[in-house]
Amino acid sequence: METKSIKFKDEEIEVEIADNILKRAWGLSFRKNGKMLFKFSRKTRAKIDMALLSKKLYLYFISDEREVISIQEADPWSWNPKTWKLYAPKEKYKYLLESFEELNLEKGDEIHFIY
């Protein structure tokens, strides 16, 4: 899978790129570590599920201006349907950064892509 660097504040991290429907559908399923940047062709209201994950994820929803607009902690689904939650911000977003570890990002922070 393709990887790129992204920068925010004084940090630079490597992320896998999910830029097509198959990569975005598979995401970080069946993994226990990693970071992935979902790139959508236009702003979206796509909802994120945690069906095939075993650990909590941190979701950083990012606008087309590359500004963090929402941060959510997503818990994995269990056999109990009460855990089957979908995650999305109130507004449309263009990028989604998923990480198993909490990142030093806050709402309003700007993300820079390094190619």
N, C-alpha and C. Protein backbone atom coordinates (compact mmCIF):
# COMPACT_ATOMS: atom_id res chain seq x y z
N MET A 1 0.84 -1.18 0.00
CA MET A 1 0.00 0.00 0.00
C MET A 1 0.89 1.24 0.00
N GLU A 2 0.45 2.26 -0.71
CA GLU A 2 1.17 3.51 -0.82
C GLU A 2 1.20 4.25 0.53
N THR A 3 2.36 4.80 0.87
CA THR A 3 2.47 5.61 2.10
C THR A 3 2.98 7.00 1.74
N LYS A 4 2.58 7.96 2.55
CA LYS A 4 3.01 9.35 2.41
C LYS A 4 3.24 9.90 3.80
N SER A 5 3.89 11.05 3.84
CA SER A 5 4.08 11.75 5.11
C SER A 5 3.10 12.89 5.22
N ILE A 6 2.61 13.10 6.42
CA ILE A 6 1.81 14.29 6.68
C ILE A 6 2.45 15.01 7.87
N LYS A 7 2.25 16.32 7.90
CA LYS A 7 2.85 17.13 8.94
C LYS A 7 1.78 17.98 9.60
N PHE A 8 1.86 18.10 10.90
CA PHE A 8 1.00 18.98 11.67
C PHE A 8 1.79 19.42 12.89
N LYS A 9 1.57 20.68 13.28
CA LYS A 9 2.34 21.27 14.38
C LYS A 9 3.82 21.03 14.09
N ASP A 10 4.56 20.42 14.99
CA ASP A 10 5.98 20.14 14.75
C ASP A 10 6.23 18.66 14.53
N GLU A 11 5.19 17.93 14.13
CA GLU A 11 5.32 16.48 13.96
C GLU A 11 5.15 16.09 12.50
N GLU A 12 5.81 15.01 12.15
CA GLU A 12 5.65 14.42 10.83
C GLU A 12 5.44 12.93 11.03
N ILE A 13 4.40 12.37 10.38
CA ILE A 13 4.12 10.94 10.52
C ILE A 13 3.89 10.32 9.15
N GLU A 14 4.14 9.02 9.07
CA GLU A 14 3.87 8.25 7.86
C GLU A 14 2.46 7.68 7.96
N VAL A 15 1.72 7.76 6.87
CA VAL A 15 0.37 7.20 6.82
C VAL A 15 0.20 6.41 5.53
N GLU A 16 -0.61 5.38 5.61
CA GLU A 16 -1.02 4.68 4.40
C GLU A 16 -2.11 5.50 3.75
N ILE A 17 -2.18 5.47 2.43
CA ILE A 17 -3.17 6.25 1.69
C ILE A 17 -4.29 5.33 1.20
N ALA A 18 -5.52 5.72 1.52
CA ALA A 18 -6.70 5.00 1.04
C ALA A 18 -7.43 5.96 0.11
N ASP A 19 -7.18 5.82 -1.20
CA ASP A 19 -7.71 6.78 -2.15
C ASP A 19 -8.65 6.17 -3.19
N ASN A 20 -9.09 4.94 -2.91
CA ASN A 20 -10.12 4.36 -3.78
C ASN A 20 -11.12 3.59 -2.91
N ILE A 21 -12.20 3.19 -3.50
CA ILE A 21 -13.30 2.60 -2.72
C ILE A 21 -12.89 1.31 -2.00
N LEU A 22 -12.07 0.49 -2.63
CA LEU A 22 -11.65 -0.76 -1.99
C LEU A 22 -10.75 -0.50 -0.78
N LYS A 23 -9.77 0.38 -0.95
CA LYS A 23 -8.88 0.70 0.17
C LYS A 23 -9.64 1.35 1.32
N ARG A 24 -10.59 2.24 0.97
CA ARG A 24 -11.37 2.90 2.02
C ARG A 24 -12.30 1.91 2.71
N ALA A 25 -12.88 0.97 1.97
CA ALA A 25 -13.78 -0.01 2.58
C ALA A 25 -13.01 -0.94 3.52
N TRP A 26 -11.82 -1.33 3.15
CA TRP A 26 -11.02 -2.24 3.96
C TRP A 26 -10.38 -1.51 5.14
N GLY A 27 -9.88 -0.29 4.90
CA GLY A 27 -9.31 0.53 5.96
C GLY A 27 -8.27 -0.19 6.80
N LEU A 28 -8.38 -0.07 8.10
CA LEU A 28 -7.45 -0.70 9.03
C LEU A 28 -8.02 -2.01 9.62
N SER A 29 -8.97 -2.59 8.94
CA SER A 29 -9.58 -3.83 9.41
C SER A 29 -8.55 -4.92 9.67
N PHE A 30 -8.78 -5.68 10.73
CA PHE A 30 -7.96 -6.83 11.12
C PHE A 30 -6.52 -6.45 11.51
N ARG A 31 -6.29 -5.20 11.85
CA ARG A 31 -4.95 -4.76 12.28
C ARG A 31 -5.00 -4.34 13.74
N LYS A 32 -3.82 -4.16 14.31
CA LYS A 32 -3.72 -3.70 15.70
C LYS A 32 -2.89 -2.43 15.81
N ASN A 33 -2.32 -1.97 14.68
CA ASN A 33 -1.58 -0.71 14.68
C ASN A 33 -1.60 -0.12 13.28
N GLY A 34 -1.21 1.13 13.19
CA GLY A 34 -1.15 1.80 11.90
C GLY A 34 -1.92 3.11 11.87
N LYS A 35 -1.67 3.85 10.79
CA LYS A 35 -2.34 5.12 10.54
C LYS A 35 -2.71 5.14 9.06
N MET A 36 -3.89 5.64 8.76
CA MET A 36 -4.35 5.67 7.37
C MET A 36 -5.06 6.98 7.08
N LEU A 37 -4.73 7.57 5.93
CA LEU A 37 -5.39 8.79 5.48
C LEU A 37 -6.33 8.42 4.33
N PHE A 38 -7.61 8.65 4.57
CA PHE A 38 -8.64 8.41 3.56
C PHE A 38 -8.79 9.70 2.75
N LYS A 39 -8.66 9.59 1.44
CA LYS A 39 -8.82 10.74 0.55
C LYS A 39 -10.06 10.50 -0.31
N PHE A 40 -11.00 11.41 -0.22
CA PHE A 40 -12.22 11.33 -1.02
C PHE A 40 -12.12 12.32 -2.18
N SER A 41 -12.76 12.01 -3.30
CA SER A 41 -12.68 12.88 -4.47
C SER A 41 -13.44 14.19 -4.28
N ARG A 42 -14.41 14.18 -3.37
CA ARG A 42 -15.14 15.41 -3.03
C ARG A 42 -15.60 15.31 -1.59
N LYS A 43 -16.13 16.40 -1.06
CA LYS A 43 -16.59 16.39 0.32
C LYS A 43 -17.69 15.34 0.48
N THR A 44 -17.72 14.72 1.65
CA THR A 44 -18.63 13.61 1.88
C THR A 44 -19.21 13.66 3.29
N ARG A 45 -20.25 12.88 3.47
CA ARG A 45 -20.83 12.65 4.80
C ARG A 45 -20.72 11.15 5.14
N ALA A 46 -19.80 10.45 4.49
CA ALA A 46 -19.64 9.01 4.71
C ALA A 46 -19.51 8.69 6.19
N LYS A 47 -20.19 7.65 6.61
CA LYS A 47 -20.16 7.21 8.01
C LYS A 47 -19.16 6.07 8.14
N ILE A 48 -18.45 6.06 9.25
CA ILE A 48 -17.40 5.08 9.50
C ILE A 48 -17.91 4.04 10.49
N ASP A 49 -17.70 2.76 10.15
CA ASP A 49 -18.08 1.70 11.09
C ASP A 49 -16.82 1.03 11.64
N MET A 50 -17.02 0.27 12.70
CA MET A 50 -15.90 -0.40 13.38
C MET A 50 -16.11 -1.91 13.40
N ALA A 51 -16.77 -2.43 12.38
CA ALA A 51 -17.17 -3.84 12.34
C ALA A 51 -16.00 -4.82 12.41
N LEU A 52 -14.92 -4.57 11.74
CA LEU A 52 -13.84 -5.55 11.64
C LEU A 52 -12.58 -5.13 12.40
N LEU A 53 -12.77 -4.33 13.42
CA LEU A 53 -11.64 -3.87 14.22
C LEU A 53 -11.72 -4.42 15.63
N SER A 54 -10.55 -4.61 16.24
CA SER A 54 -10.52 -5.17 17.59
C SER A 54 -10.07 -4.15 18.63
N LYS A 55 -9.62 -2.99 18.17
CA LYS A 55 -9.14 -1.94 19.08
C LYS A 55 -9.80 -0.62 18.73
N LYS A 56 -9.81 0.27 19.71
CA LYS A 56 -10.32 1.63 19.51
C LYS A 56 -9.50 2.37 18.47
N LEU A 57 -10.17 3.22 17.68
CA LEU A 57 -9.50 4.10 16.72
C LEU A 57 -9.78 5.55 17.08
N TYR A 58 -8.84 6.41 16.73
CA TYR A 58 -9.05 7.85 16.80
C TYR A 58 -9.31 8.31 15.38
N LEU A 59 -10.40 9.02 15.19
CA LEU A 59 -10.82 9.50 13.88
C LEU A 59 -10.67 11.01 13.84
N TYR A 60 -9.88 11.49 12.86
CA TYR A 60 -9.66 12.92 12.67
C TYR A 60 -10.26 13.30 11.33
N PHE A 61 -11.41 13.94 11.36
CA PHE A 61 -12.10 14.36 10.14
C PHE A 61 -11.53 15.71 9.72
N ILE A 62 -11.20 15.83 8.43
CA ILE A 62 -10.46 16.99 7.92
C ILE A 62 -11.20 17.59 6.72
N SER A 63 -11.29 18.91 6.70
CA SER A 63 -11.99 19.62 5.63
C SER A 63 -11.15 19.65 4.35
N ASP A 64 -11.76 20.15 3.27
CA ASP A 64 -11.03 20.29 2.02
C ASP A 64 -9.94 21.35 2.12
N GLU A 65 -10.01 22.21 3.14
CA GLU A 65 -8.93 23.17 3.39
C GLU A 65 -7.85 22.57 4.28
N ARG A 66 -7.98 21.28 4.59
CA ARG A 66 -7.01 20.51 5.40
C ARG A 66 -6.96 20.96 6.85
N GLU A 67 -8.12 21.31 7.37
CA GLU A 67 -8.25 21.70 8.77
C GLU A 67 -9.06 20.64 9.51
N VAL A 68 -8.59 20.25 10.69
CA VAL A 68 -9.31 19.26 11.50
C VAL A 68 -10.64 19.87 11.94
N ILE A 69 -11.75 19.22 11.57
CA ILE A 69 -13.07 19.76 11.91
C ILE A 69 -13.76 18.95 13.01
N SER A 70 -13.30 17.72 13.23
CA SER A 70 -13.90 16.89 14.28
C SER A 70 -12.93 15.78 14.65
N ILE A 71 -12.92 15.44 15.94
CA ILE A 71 -12.11 14.33 16.44
C ILE A 71 -13.05 13.42 17.23
N GLN A 72 -13.03 12.13 16.90
CA GLN A 72 -13.91 11.19 17.59
C GLN A 72 -13.12 9.93 17.94
N GLU A 73 -13.44 9.36 19.10
CA GLU A 73 -12.90 8.06 19.49
C GLU A 73 -13.93 7.02 19.10
N ALA A 74 -13.50 6.02 18.37
CA ALA A 74 -14.42 5.00 17.85
C ALA A 74 -14.11 3.66 18.49
N ASP A 75 -15.11 3.07 19.10
CA ASP A 75 -14.95 1.77 19.75
C ASP A 75 -15.33 0.64 18.80
N PRO A 76 -14.59 -0.47 18.85
CA PRO A 76 -14.91 -1.60 17.98
C PRO A 76 -16.26 -2.21 18.31
N TRP A 77 -16.86 -2.80 17.31
CA TRP A 77 -18.14 -3.48 17.50
C TRP A 77 -17.92 -4.81 18.21
N SER A 78 -18.91 -5.23 18.98
CA SER A 78 -18.90 -6.56 19.60
C SER A 78 -20.12 -7.30 19.07
N TRP A 79 -20.41 -8.45 19.66
CA TRP A 79 -21.61 -9.19 19.27
C TRP A 79 -22.88 -8.50 19.74
N ASN A 80 -22.74 -7.55 20.65
CA ASN A 80 -23.88 -6.81 21.16
C ASN A 80 -24.24 -5.68 20.19
N PRO A 81 -25.42 -5.71 19.58
CA PRO A 81 -25.81 -4.67 18.61
C PRO A 81 -25.78 -3.26 19.18
N LYS A 82 -25.81 -3.10 20.50
CA LYS A 82 -25.75 -1.77 21.09
C LYS A 82 -24.40 -1.10 20.83
N THR A 83 -23.39 -1.87 20.46
CA THR A 83 -22.07 -1.31 20.18
C THR A 83 -21.92 -0.92 18.71
N TRP A 84 -22.91 -1.18 17.90
CA TRP A 84 -22.83 -0.94 16.46
C TRP A 84 -23.13 0.51 16.14
N LYS A 85 -22.16 1.35 16.34
CA LYS A 85 -22.30 2.79 16.12
C LYS A 85 -21.59 3.20 14.83
N LEU A 86 -22.11 4.21 14.17
CA LEU A 86 -21.47 4.80 13.00
C LEU A 86 -20.94 6.17 13.40
N TYR A 87 -19.79 6.55 12.82
CA TYR A 87 -19.12 7.79 13.20
C TYR A 87 -19.01 8.72 12.00
N ALA A 88 -19.32 9.99 12.23
CA ALA A 88 -19.18 11.03 11.21
C ALA A 88 -19.34 12.38 11.89
N PRO A 89 -18.72 13.42 11.33
CA PRO A 89 -18.94 14.76 11.89
C PRO A 89 -20.28 15.31 11.40
N LYS A 90 -20.68 16.42 11.95
CA LYS A 90 -21.94 17.06 11.54
C LYS A 90 -21.82 17.68 10.16
N GLU A 91 -20.63 18.08 9.78
CA GLU A 91 -20.42 18.73 8.48
C GLU A 91 -19.66 17.80 7.54
N LYS A 92 -19.71 18.12 6.25
CA LYS A 92 -18.99 17.31 5.26
C LYS A 92 -17.48 17.43 5.47
N TYR A 93 -16.77 16.39 5.07
CA TYR A 93 -15.31 16.38 5.17
C TYR A 93 -14.73 15.80 3.89
N LYS A 94 -13.44 16.01 3.66
CA LYS A 94 -12.79 15.50 2.45
C LYS A 94 -11.72 14.46 2.76
N TYR A 95 -11.17 14.52 3.97
CA TYR A 95 -10.12 13.59 4.38
C TYR A 95 -10.46 13.03 5.76
N LEU A 96 -9.99 11.83 6.00
CA LEU A 96 -10.14 11.21 7.31
C LEU A 96 -8.83 10.56 7.67
N LEU A 97 -8.30 10.92 8.82
CA LEU A 97 -7.08 10.30 9.34
C LEU A 97 -7.49 9.35 10.45
N GLU A 98 -7.20 8.07 10.27
CA GLU A 98 -7.49 7.07 11.30
C GLU A 98 -6.17 6.63 11.94
N SER A 99 -6.19 6.47 13.26
CA SER A 99 -4.99 6.06 13.97
C SER A 99 -5.37 5.23 15.19
N PHE A 100 -4.60 4.19 15.45
CA PHE A 100 -4.81 3.41 16.67
C PHE A 100 -4.29 4.14 17.90
N GLU A 101 -3.40 5.10 17.68
CA GLU A 101 -2.89 5.87 18.81
C GLU A 101 -3.40 7.31 18.72
N GLU A 102 -3.60 7.91 19.87
CA GLU A 102 -4.05 9.31 19.89
C GLU A 102 -2.92 10.20 19.39
N LEU A 103 -3.24 11.10 18.49
CA LEU A 103 -2.25 12.00 17.91
C LEU A 103 -2.35 13.38 18.56
N ASN A 104 -1.32 14.15 18.44
CA ASN A 104 -1.27 15.50 19.00
C ASN A 104 -1.99 16.48 18.08
N LEU A 105 -3.26 16.21 17.83
CA LEU A 105 -4.09 17.04 16.96
C LEU A 105 -5.29 17.55 17.72
N GLU A 106 -5.69 18.77 17.40
CA GLU A 106 -6.87 19.38 18.00
C GLU A 106 -7.73 19.95 16.89
N LYS A 107 -8.99 20.14 17.19
CA LYS A 107 -9.90 20.78 16.24
C LYS A 107 -9.31 22.13 15.85
N GLY A 108 -9.30 22.42 14.55
CA GLY A 108 -8.75 23.68 14.05
C GLY A 108 -7.31 23.56 13.57
N ASP A 109 -6.61 22.48 13.93
CA ASP A 109 -5.23 22.30 13.46
C ASP A 109 -5.22 22.06 11.95
N GLU A 110 -4.14 22.50 11.31
CA GLU A 110 -3.98 22.34 9.88
C GLU A 110 -3.03 21.17 9.59
N ILE A 111 -3.38 20.40 8.57
CA ILE A 111 -2.58 19.24 8.14
C ILE A 111 -1.88 19.62 6.84
N HIS A 112 -0.61 19.23 6.71
CA HIS A 112 0.15 19.46 5.47
C HIS A 112 0.53 18.11 4.91
N PHE A 113 0.29 17.92 3.63
CA PHE A 113 0.68 16.69 2.94
C PHE A 113 2.05 16.87 2.34
N ILE A 114 2.93 15.92 2.56
CA ILE A 114 4.29 15.96 2.02
C ILE A 114 4.40 14.86 0.98
N TYR A 115 4.65 15.24 -0.26
CA TYR A 115 4.73 14.24 -1.34
C TYR A 115 6.11 14.14 -1.90
